[in-house]
């Protein structure tokens, strides 16, 4: 607890691995995450895999279900696993919600134009996507 009596908010940075969240997140992107934040439908979250708890996973919290959150990747063509494979993710396994996406600068971006283009797109807020529940119903 902080001195003011409120819980201290903790932030961190994590790296994305794999294609399951394309186009929202690309392999190698980094995210600023907020630990212990309230999860809302459509949030991008970091959680422990329910069947392999030493593995951290990034998915979108599509909706609340009995037993926890139904998690889906944004990439409909990726088959790395989501709640359709392992069911609802219990609340105690959800660690953080994503706040910002940080896209690293590519090695080939050496021209001024390329650097300016990167600078304008490198940092993006990750907001809750309300269309996640519509995608869930389509699956």
N, C-alpha and C. Protein backbone atom coordinates (compact mmCIF):
# COMPACT_ATOMS: atom_id res chain seq x y z
N UNK A 1 0.84 -1.19 0.00
CA UNK A 1 0.00 0.00 0.00
C UNK A 1 0.88 1.25 0.00
N UNK A 2 0.46 2.23 -0.73
CA UNK A 2 1.14 3.51 -0.76
C UNK A 2 0.79 4.28 0.50
N UNK A 3 1.57 5.31 0.81
CA UNK A 3 1.34 6.09 2.03
C UNK A 3 -0.03 6.74 2.07
N UNK A 4 -0.59 7.06 0.91
CA UNK A 4 -1.90 7.71 0.89
C UNK A 4 -3.03 6.73 1.17
N UNK A 5 -2.72 5.43 1.32
CA UNK A 5 -3.75 4.44 1.60
C UNK A 5 -4.28 3.76 0.36
N UNK A 6 -3.87 4.21 -0.82
CA UNK A 6 -4.31 3.57 -2.06
C UNK A 6 -3.21 2.62 -2.55
N UNK A 7 -3.63 1.60 -3.24
CA UNK A 7 -2.67 0.65 -3.80
C UNK A 7 -1.80 1.34 -4.85
N UNK A 8 -0.54 0.98 -4.89
CA UNK A 8 0.40 1.55 -5.85
C UNK A 8 0.16 0.92 -7.22
N UNK A 9 0.07 1.75 -8.25
CA UNK A 9 -0.12 1.28 -9.62
C UNK A 9 1.26 0.96 -10.18
N UNK A 10 1.39 -0.23 -10.76
CA UNK A 10 2.67 -0.65 -11.31
C UNK A 10 2.56 -0.79 -12.82
N UNK A 11 3.57 -0.29 -13.49
CA UNK A 11 3.66 -0.39 -14.94
C UNK A 11 4.90 -1.19 -15.30
N UNK A 12 4.88 -1.78 -16.48
CA UNK A 12 6.03 -2.51 -16.97
C UNK A 12 6.04 -2.51 -18.48
N UNK A 13 7.11 -3.07 -19.05
CA UNK A 13 7.23 -3.20 -20.50
C UNK A 13 7.44 -4.67 -20.82
N UNK A 14 6.71 -5.14 -21.82
CA UNK A 14 6.85 -6.53 -22.24
C UNK A 14 6.94 -6.58 -23.76
N UNK A 15 7.59 -7.62 -24.27
CA UNK A 15 7.77 -7.77 -25.71
C UNK A 15 6.80 -8.80 -26.26
N UNK A 16 6.27 -8.52 -27.44
CA UNK A 16 5.32 -9.41 -28.10
C UNK A 16 6.09 -10.42 -28.95
N UNK A 17 5.67 -11.66 -28.87
CA UNK A 17 6.29 -12.72 -29.66
C UNK A 17 5.20 -13.47 -30.41
N UNK A 18 5.34 -13.60 -31.72
CA UNK A 18 4.39 -14.36 -32.50
C UNK A 18 3.35 -13.49 -33.19
N UNK A 19 2.55 -14.12 -34.08
CA UNK A 19 1.61 -13.39 -34.93
C UNK A 19 0.16 -13.36 -34.46
N UNK A 20 -0.15 -13.85 -33.27
CA UNK A 20 -1.55 -14.01 -32.90
C UNK A 20 -2.33 -12.71 -32.74
N UNK A 21 -1.65 -11.59 -32.55
CA UNK A 21 -2.35 -10.32 -32.34
C UNK A 21 -2.22 -9.36 -33.53
N UNK A 22 -1.73 -9.85 -34.67
CA UNK A 22 -1.66 -9.04 -35.90
C UNK A 22 -3.09 -8.74 -36.33
N UNK A 23 -3.45 -7.55 -36.70
CA UNK A 23 -2.62 -6.39 -37.03
C UNK A 23 -2.38 -5.44 -35.87
N UNK A 24 -3.00 -5.68 -34.72
CA UNK A 24 -2.85 -4.77 -33.58
C UNK A 24 -1.42 -4.72 -33.09
N UNK A 25 -0.81 -5.89 -32.93
CA UNK A 25 0.56 -6.01 -32.44
C UNK A 25 1.34 -6.92 -33.38
N UNK A 26 2.57 -6.52 -33.66
CA UNK A 26 3.45 -7.32 -34.51
C UNK A 26 4.53 -7.98 -33.66
N UNK A 27 5.09 -9.08 -34.16
CA UNK A 27 6.20 -9.74 -33.49
C UNK A 27 7.31 -8.71 -33.28
N UNK A 28 7.81 -8.60 -32.07
CA UNK A 28 8.87 -7.65 -31.75
C UNK A 28 8.37 -6.34 -31.17
N UNK A 29 7.08 -6.04 -31.29
CA UNK A 29 6.54 -4.83 -30.66
C UNK A 29 6.71 -4.96 -29.14
N UNK A 30 6.73 -3.83 -28.49
CA UNK A 30 6.74 -3.81 -27.04
C UNK A 30 5.46 -3.14 -26.58
N UNK A 31 5.04 -3.49 -25.37
CA UNK A 31 3.82 -2.90 -24.81
C UNK A 31 4.13 -2.36 -23.42
N UNK A 32 3.55 -1.21 -23.11
CA UNK A 32 3.52 -0.73 -21.74
C UNK A 32 2.27 -1.34 -21.13
N UNK A 33 2.44 -2.06 -20.02
CA UNK A 33 1.31 -2.73 -19.37
C UNK A 33 1.12 -2.19 -17.96
N UNK A 34 -0.12 -2.31 -17.51
CA UNK A 34 -0.47 -1.88 -16.16
C UNK A 34 -0.90 -3.11 -15.38
N UNK A 35 -0.11 -3.45 -14.37
CA UNK A 35 -0.39 -4.63 -13.55
C UNK A 35 -1.54 -4.36 -12.59
N UNK A 36 -2.43 -5.34 -12.46
CA UNK A 36 -3.53 -5.24 -11.51
C UNK A 36 -4.66 -4.33 -11.95
N UNK A 37 -4.66 -3.88 -13.19
CA UNK A 37 -5.72 -2.98 -13.66
C UNK A 37 -7.01 -3.75 -13.88
N UNK A 38 -8.12 -3.07 -13.78
CA UNK A 38 -9.42 -3.65 -14.05
C UNK A 38 -9.52 -4.01 -15.53
N UNK A 39 -9.94 -5.25 -15.82
CA UNK A 39 -10.07 -5.71 -17.19
C UNK A 39 -11.48 -5.43 -17.68
N UNK A 40 -11.56 -4.89 -18.89
CA UNK A 40 -12.85 -4.63 -19.53
C UNK A 40 -12.92 -5.44 -20.82
N UNK A 41 -14.11 -5.79 -21.27
CA UNK A 41 -14.21 -6.49 -22.55
C UNK A 41 -13.55 -5.69 -23.66
N UNK A 42 -12.72 -6.35 -24.45
CA UNK A 42 -12.01 -5.70 -25.53
C UNK A 42 -10.59 -5.28 -25.20
N UNK A 43 -10.19 -5.34 -23.92
CA UNK A 43 -8.83 -4.97 -23.54
C UNK A 43 -7.82 -6.01 -24.03
N UNK A 44 -6.63 -5.54 -24.39
CA UNK A 44 -5.50 -6.43 -24.64
C UNK A 44 -4.87 -6.71 -23.29
N UNK A 45 -4.68 -7.99 -22.97
CA UNK A 45 -4.20 -8.36 -21.64
C UNK A 45 -3.02 -9.33 -21.73
N UNK A 46 -2.27 -9.40 -20.65
CA UNK A 46 -1.20 -10.37 -20.46
C UNK A 46 -1.66 -11.31 -19.36
N UNK A 47 -1.58 -12.62 -19.62
CA UNK A 47 -2.01 -13.60 -18.62
C UNK A 47 -1.14 -14.84 -18.68
N UNK A 48 -1.20 -15.63 -17.61
CA UNK A 48 -0.51 -16.91 -17.58
C UNK A 48 -1.38 -17.94 -18.30
N UNK A 49 -0.76 -18.73 -19.17
CA UNK A 49 -1.48 -19.77 -19.90
C UNK A 49 -2.09 -20.73 -18.88
N UNK A 50 -3.38 -21.04 -18.99
CA UNK A 50 -4.03 -21.89 -18.00
C UNK A 50 -3.45 -23.30 -17.89
N UNK A 51 -2.87 -23.82 -18.96
CA UNK A 51 -2.34 -25.19 -18.94
C UNK A 51 -0.82 -25.24 -18.80
N UNK A 52 -0.16 -24.11 -18.96
CA UNK A 52 1.30 -24.02 -18.88
C UNK A 52 1.63 -22.68 -18.24
N UNK A 53 1.54 -22.60 -16.92
CA UNK A 53 1.55 -21.31 -16.24
C UNK A 53 2.88 -20.59 -16.23
N UNK A 54 3.95 -21.21 -16.74
CA UNK A 54 5.20 -20.48 -16.88
C UNK A 54 5.25 -19.71 -18.20
N UNK A 55 4.21 -19.86 -19.02
CA UNK A 55 4.12 -19.17 -20.31
C UNK A 55 3.19 -17.97 -20.20
N UNK A 56 3.69 -16.79 -20.56
CA UNK A 56 2.86 -15.58 -20.58
C UNK A 56 2.29 -15.40 -21.97
N UNK A 57 1.03 -15.02 -22.05
CA UNK A 57 0.30 -14.90 -23.31
C UNK A 57 -0.31 -13.51 -23.42
N UNK A 58 -0.36 -12.98 -24.66
CA UNK A 58 -1.02 -11.70 -24.95
C UNK A 58 -2.21 -12.01 -25.85
N UNK A 59 -3.40 -11.66 -25.40
CA UNK A 59 -4.63 -11.84 -26.18
C UNK A 59 -5.59 -10.71 -25.82
N UNK A 60 -6.74 -10.72 -26.48
CA UNK A 60 -7.79 -9.75 -26.19
C UNK A 60 -8.85 -10.42 -25.32
N UNK A 61 -9.23 -9.76 -24.23
CA UNK A 61 -10.29 -10.25 -23.36
C UNK A 61 -11.62 -9.98 -24.05
N UNK A 62 -12.20 -11.00 -24.68
CA UNK A 62 -13.40 -10.81 -25.49
C UNK A 62 -14.64 -10.61 -24.65
N UNK A 63 -14.83 -11.48 -23.66
CA UNK A 63 -16.00 -11.34 -22.80
C UNK A 63 -15.83 -12.12 -21.52
N UNK A 64 -16.64 -11.76 -20.54
CA UNK A 64 -16.66 -12.44 -19.25
C UNK A 64 -17.55 -13.66 -19.37
N UNK A 65 -17.06 -14.80 -18.86
CA UNK A 65 -17.82 -16.04 -18.86
C UNK A 65 -17.69 -16.69 -17.50
N UNK A 66 -18.54 -17.67 -17.20
CA UNK A 66 -18.34 -18.41 -15.95
C UNK A 66 -16.93 -19.00 -15.92
N UNK A 67 -16.21 -18.73 -14.89
CA UNK A 67 -14.85 -19.25 -14.76
C UNK A 67 -13.77 -18.29 -15.17
N UNK A 68 -14.12 -17.14 -15.76
CA UNK A 68 -13.10 -16.16 -16.11
C UNK A 68 -13.34 -15.45 -17.41
N UNK A 69 -12.24 -15.06 -18.07
CA UNK A 69 -12.29 -14.27 -19.30
C UNK A 69 -12.09 -15.17 -20.51
N UNK A 70 -12.88 -14.93 -21.56
CA UNK A 70 -12.72 -15.62 -22.83
C UNK A 70 -11.73 -14.81 -23.64
N UNK A 71 -10.58 -15.39 -23.98
CA UNK A 71 -9.48 -14.69 -24.65
C UNK A 71 -9.39 -15.09 -26.12
N UNK A 72 -9.20 -14.10 -26.99
CA UNK A 72 -9.05 -14.34 -28.42
C UNK A 72 -7.89 -13.52 -28.97
N UNK A 73 -7.20 -14.07 -29.96
CA UNK A 73 -6.21 -13.31 -30.70
C UNK A 73 -6.90 -12.47 -31.75
N UNK A 74 -6.26 -11.39 -32.18
CA UNK A 74 -6.84 -10.53 -33.21
C UNK A 74 -6.67 -11.11 -34.61
N UNK A 75 -5.73 -12.03 -34.79
CA UNK A 75 -5.43 -12.60 -36.10
C UNK A 75 -6.30 -13.85 -36.31
N UNK A 76 -7.33 -13.76 -37.17
CA UNK A 76 -8.22 -14.91 -37.35
C UNK A 76 -7.56 -16.07 -38.09
N UNK A 77 -6.40 -15.84 -38.72
CA UNK A 77 -5.72 -16.89 -39.47
C UNK A 77 -4.63 -17.59 -38.67
N UNK A 78 -4.41 -17.14 -37.45
CA UNK A 78 -3.37 -17.71 -36.60
C UNK A 78 -3.97 -18.80 -35.72
N UNK A 79 -3.26 -19.87 -35.53
CA UNK A 79 -3.77 -20.97 -34.72
C UNK A 79 -2.85 -21.30 -33.55
N UNK A 80 -2.37 -20.26 -32.84
CA UNK A 80 -1.47 -20.50 -31.71
C UNK A 80 -2.21 -20.85 -30.44
N UNK A 81 -3.51 -20.79 -30.46
CA UNK A 81 -4.28 -21.15 -29.28
C UNK A 81 -4.87 -19.94 -28.59
N UNK A 82 -6.10 -20.10 -28.17
CA UNK A 82 -6.80 -19.09 -27.39
C UNK A 82 -7.85 -19.83 -26.58
N UNK A 83 -8.87 -19.14 -26.11
CA UNK A 83 -9.86 -19.79 -25.26
C UNK A 83 -10.66 -20.88 -25.96
N UNK A 84 -10.65 -20.89 -27.29
CA UNK A 84 -11.31 -22.00 -27.98
C UNK A 84 -10.57 -23.31 -27.72
N UNK A 85 -9.29 -23.23 -27.33
CA UNK A 85 -8.49 -24.40 -27.00
C UNK A 85 -8.47 -24.71 -25.50
N UNK A 86 -8.36 -23.69 -24.65
CA UNK A 86 -8.18 -23.93 -23.22
C UNK A 86 -9.28 -23.36 -22.33
N UNK A 87 -10.33 -22.82 -22.91
CA UNK A 87 -11.46 -22.33 -22.12
C UNK A 87 -11.21 -20.97 -21.51
N UNK A 88 -12.09 -20.60 -20.61
CA UNK A 88 -12.01 -19.29 -19.94
C UNK A 88 -10.77 -19.24 -19.05
N UNK A 89 -10.15 -18.07 -18.98
CA UNK A 89 -8.95 -17.86 -18.18
C UNK A 89 -9.38 -17.27 -16.83
N UNK A 90 -9.07 -17.98 -15.72
CA UNK A 90 -9.45 -17.47 -14.40
C UNK A 90 -8.83 -16.11 -14.09
N UNK A 91 -9.55 -15.29 -13.34
CA UNK A 91 -9.09 -13.95 -12.99
C UNK A 91 -7.69 -13.93 -12.40
N UNK A 92 -7.36 -14.92 -11.57
CA UNK A 92 -6.06 -14.91 -10.90
C UNK A 92 -4.89 -15.12 -11.86
N UNK A 93 -5.15 -15.56 -13.09
CA UNK A 93 -4.09 -15.72 -14.08
C UNK A 93 -3.90 -14.48 -14.94
N UNK A 94 -4.83 -13.53 -14.88
CA UNK A 94 -4.72 -12.29 -15.66
C UNK A 94 -3.81 -11.34 -14.88
N UNK A 95 -2.69 -10.96 -15.49
CA UNK A 95 -1.68 -10.17 -14.81
C UNK A 95 -1.76 -8.67 -15.08
N UNK A 96 -2.03 -8.28 -16.34
CA UNK A 96 -1.93 -6.86 -16.70
C UNK A 96 -2.77 -6.56 -17.93
N UNK A 97 -3.10 -5.28 -18.07
CA UNK A 97 -3.74 -4.79 -19.29
C UNK A 97 -2.74 -3.92 -20.04
N UNK A 98 -2.80 -3.96 -21.37
CA UNK A 98 -1.88 -3.17 -22.19
C UNK A 98 -2.38 -1.74 -22.31
N UNK A 99 -1.46 -0.80 -22.24
CA UNK A 99 -1.79 0.62 -22.31
C UNK A 99 -1.30 1.22 -23.63
N UNK A 100 -0.05 0.93 -23.99
CA UNK A 100 0.56 1.50 -25.20
C UNK A 100 1.31 0.42 -25.98
N UNK A 101 1.33 0.60 -27.30
CA UNK A 101 2.18 -0.22 -28.15
C UNK A 101 3.39 0.61 -28.52
N UNK A 102 4.57 0.03 -28.42
CA UNK A 102 5.82 0.68 -28.80
C UNK A 102 6.43 -0.14 -29.93
N UNK A 103 6.49 0.41 -31.11
CA UNK A 103 7.04 -0.31 -32.26
C UNK A 103 8.51 0.04 -32.39
N UNK A 104 9.41 -0.96 -32.36
CA UNK A 104 10.84 -0.66 -32.49
C UNK A 104 11.19 -0.15 -33.88
N UNK A 105 12.24 0.63 -33.97
CA UNK A 105 12.68 1.17 -35.26
C UNK A 105 13.47 0.12 -36.01
N UNK A 106 13.13 -0.07 -37.27
CA UNK A 106 13.82 -1.04 -38.11
C UNK A 106 15.22 -0.59 -38.49
N UNK A 107 16.10 -1.54 -38.72
CA UNK A 107 17.48 -1.23 -39.07
C UNK A 107 17.57 -0.54 -40.42
N UNK A 108 16.60 -0.78 -41.31
CA UNK A 108 16.65 -0.19 -42.64
C UNK A 108 16.07 1.23 -42.68
N UNK A 109 15.60 1.72 -41.56
CA UNK A 109 15.00 3.05 -41.53
C UNK A 109 16.08 4.10 -41.27
N UNK A 110 16.87 4.38 -42.28
CA UNK A 110 17.98 5.32 -42.09
C UNK A 110 17.71 6.70 -42.67
N UNK A 111 16.78 6.80 -43.60
CA UNK A 111 16.51 8.11 -44.19
C UNK A 111 15.68 8.95 -43.23
N UNK A 112 15.75 10.24 -43.39
CA UNK A 112 14.98 11.16 -42.55
C UNK A 112 13.49 10.87 -42.69
N UNK A 113 13.03 10.64 -43.91
CA UNK A 113 11.61 10.35 -44.15
C UNK A 113 11.17 9.08 -43.41
N UNK A 114 11.99 8.04 -43.48
CA UNK A 114 11.67 6.78 -42.79
C UNK A 114 11.65 6.97 -41.28
N UNK A 115 12.58 7.74 -40.76
CA UNK A 115 12.62 7.99 -39.32
C UNK A 115 11.42 8.80 -38.85
N UNK A 116 11.02 9.80 -39.65
CA UNK A 116 9.84 10.59 -39.29
C UNK A 116 8.57 9.73 -39.35
N UNK A 117 8.47 8.89 -40.36
CA UNK A 117 7.33 7.99 -40.48
C UNK A 117 7.25 7.07 -39.26
N UNK A 118 8.40 6.51 -38.88
CA UNK A 118 8.44 5.64 -37.69
C UNK A 118 8.03 6.43 -36.44
N UNK A 119 8.57 7.63 -36.28
CA UNK A 119 8.29 8.43 -35.08
C UNK A 119 6.80 8.73 -34.94
N UNK A 120 6.11 8.92 -36.07
CA UNK A 120 4.68 9.22 -36.02
C UNK A 120 3.82 8.00 -35.71
N UNK A 121 4.36 6.81 -35.92
CA UNK A 121 3.56 5.60 -35.71
C UNK A 121 4.09 4.69 -34.62
N UNK A 122 5.21 5.02 -34.01
CA UNK A 122 5.86 4.11 -33.07
C UNK A 122 5.07 3.90 -31.78
N UNK A 123 4.45 4.94 -31.30
CA UNK A 123 3.72 4.85 -30.03
C UNK A 123 2.24 5.02 -30.30
N UNK A 124 1.45 4.02 -29.94
CA UNK A 124 0.00 4.06 -30.12
C UNK A 124 -0.68 3.56 -28.87
N UNK A 125 -1.74 4.23 -28.43
CA UNK A 125 -2.50 3.69 -27.30
C UNK A 125 -3.22 2.41 -27.71
N UNK A 126 -3.33 1.48 -26.80
CA UNK A 126 -4.09 0.24 -27.04
C UNK A 126 -5.40 0.36 -26.28
N UNK A 127 -6.43 0.66 -26.99
CA UNK A 127 -7.75 0.85 -26.38
C UNK A 127 -8.55 -0.44 -26.49
N UNK A 128 -9.56 -0.53 -25.66
CA UNK A 128 -10.46 -1.68 -25.73
C UNK A 128 -11.17 -1.68 -27.08
N UNK A 129 -11.24 -2.84 -27.70
CA UNK A 129 -11.89 -3.00 -29.00
C UNK A 129 -13.24 -3.65 -28.77
N UNK A 130 -14.29 -2.87 -28.89
CA UNK A 130 -15.64 -3.39 -28.62
C UNK A 130 -16.09 -4.39 -29.67
N UNK A 131 -15.41 -4.47 -30.80
CA UNK A 131 -15.81 -5.43 -31.83
C UNK A 131 -15.36 -6.85 -31.49
N UNK A 132 -14.59 -7.03 -30.44
CA UNK A 132 -14.11 -8.36 -30.07
C UNK A 132 -15.26 -9.31 -29.78
N UNK A 133 -16.31 -8.83 -29.14
CA UNK A 133 -17.43 -9.72 -28.85
C UNK A 133 -18.18 -10.10 -30.13
N UNK A 134 -18.22 -9.21 -31.13
CA UNK A 134 -18.83 -9.57 -32.41
C UNK A 134 -18.01 -10.64 -33.12
N UNK A 135 -16.68 -10.53 -33.07
CA UNK A 135 -15.82 -11.55 -33.67
C UNK A 135 -16.01 -12.88 -32.96
N UNK A 136 -16.22 -12.83 -31.64
CA UNK A 136 -16.42 -14.05 -30.86
C UNK A 136 -17.69 -14.77 -31.33
N UNK A 137 -18.75 -14.02 -31.54
CA UNK A 137 -19.99 -14.64 -31.99
C UNK A 137 -19.87 -15.22 -33.40
N UNK A 138 -18.95 -14.66 -34.21
CA UNK A 138 -18.77 -15.15 -35.57
C UNK A 138 -17.97 -16.45 -35.61
N UNK A 139 -17.26 -16.78 -34.55
CA UNK A 139 -16.43 -18.00 -34.52
C UNK A 139 -17.24 -19.21 -34.14
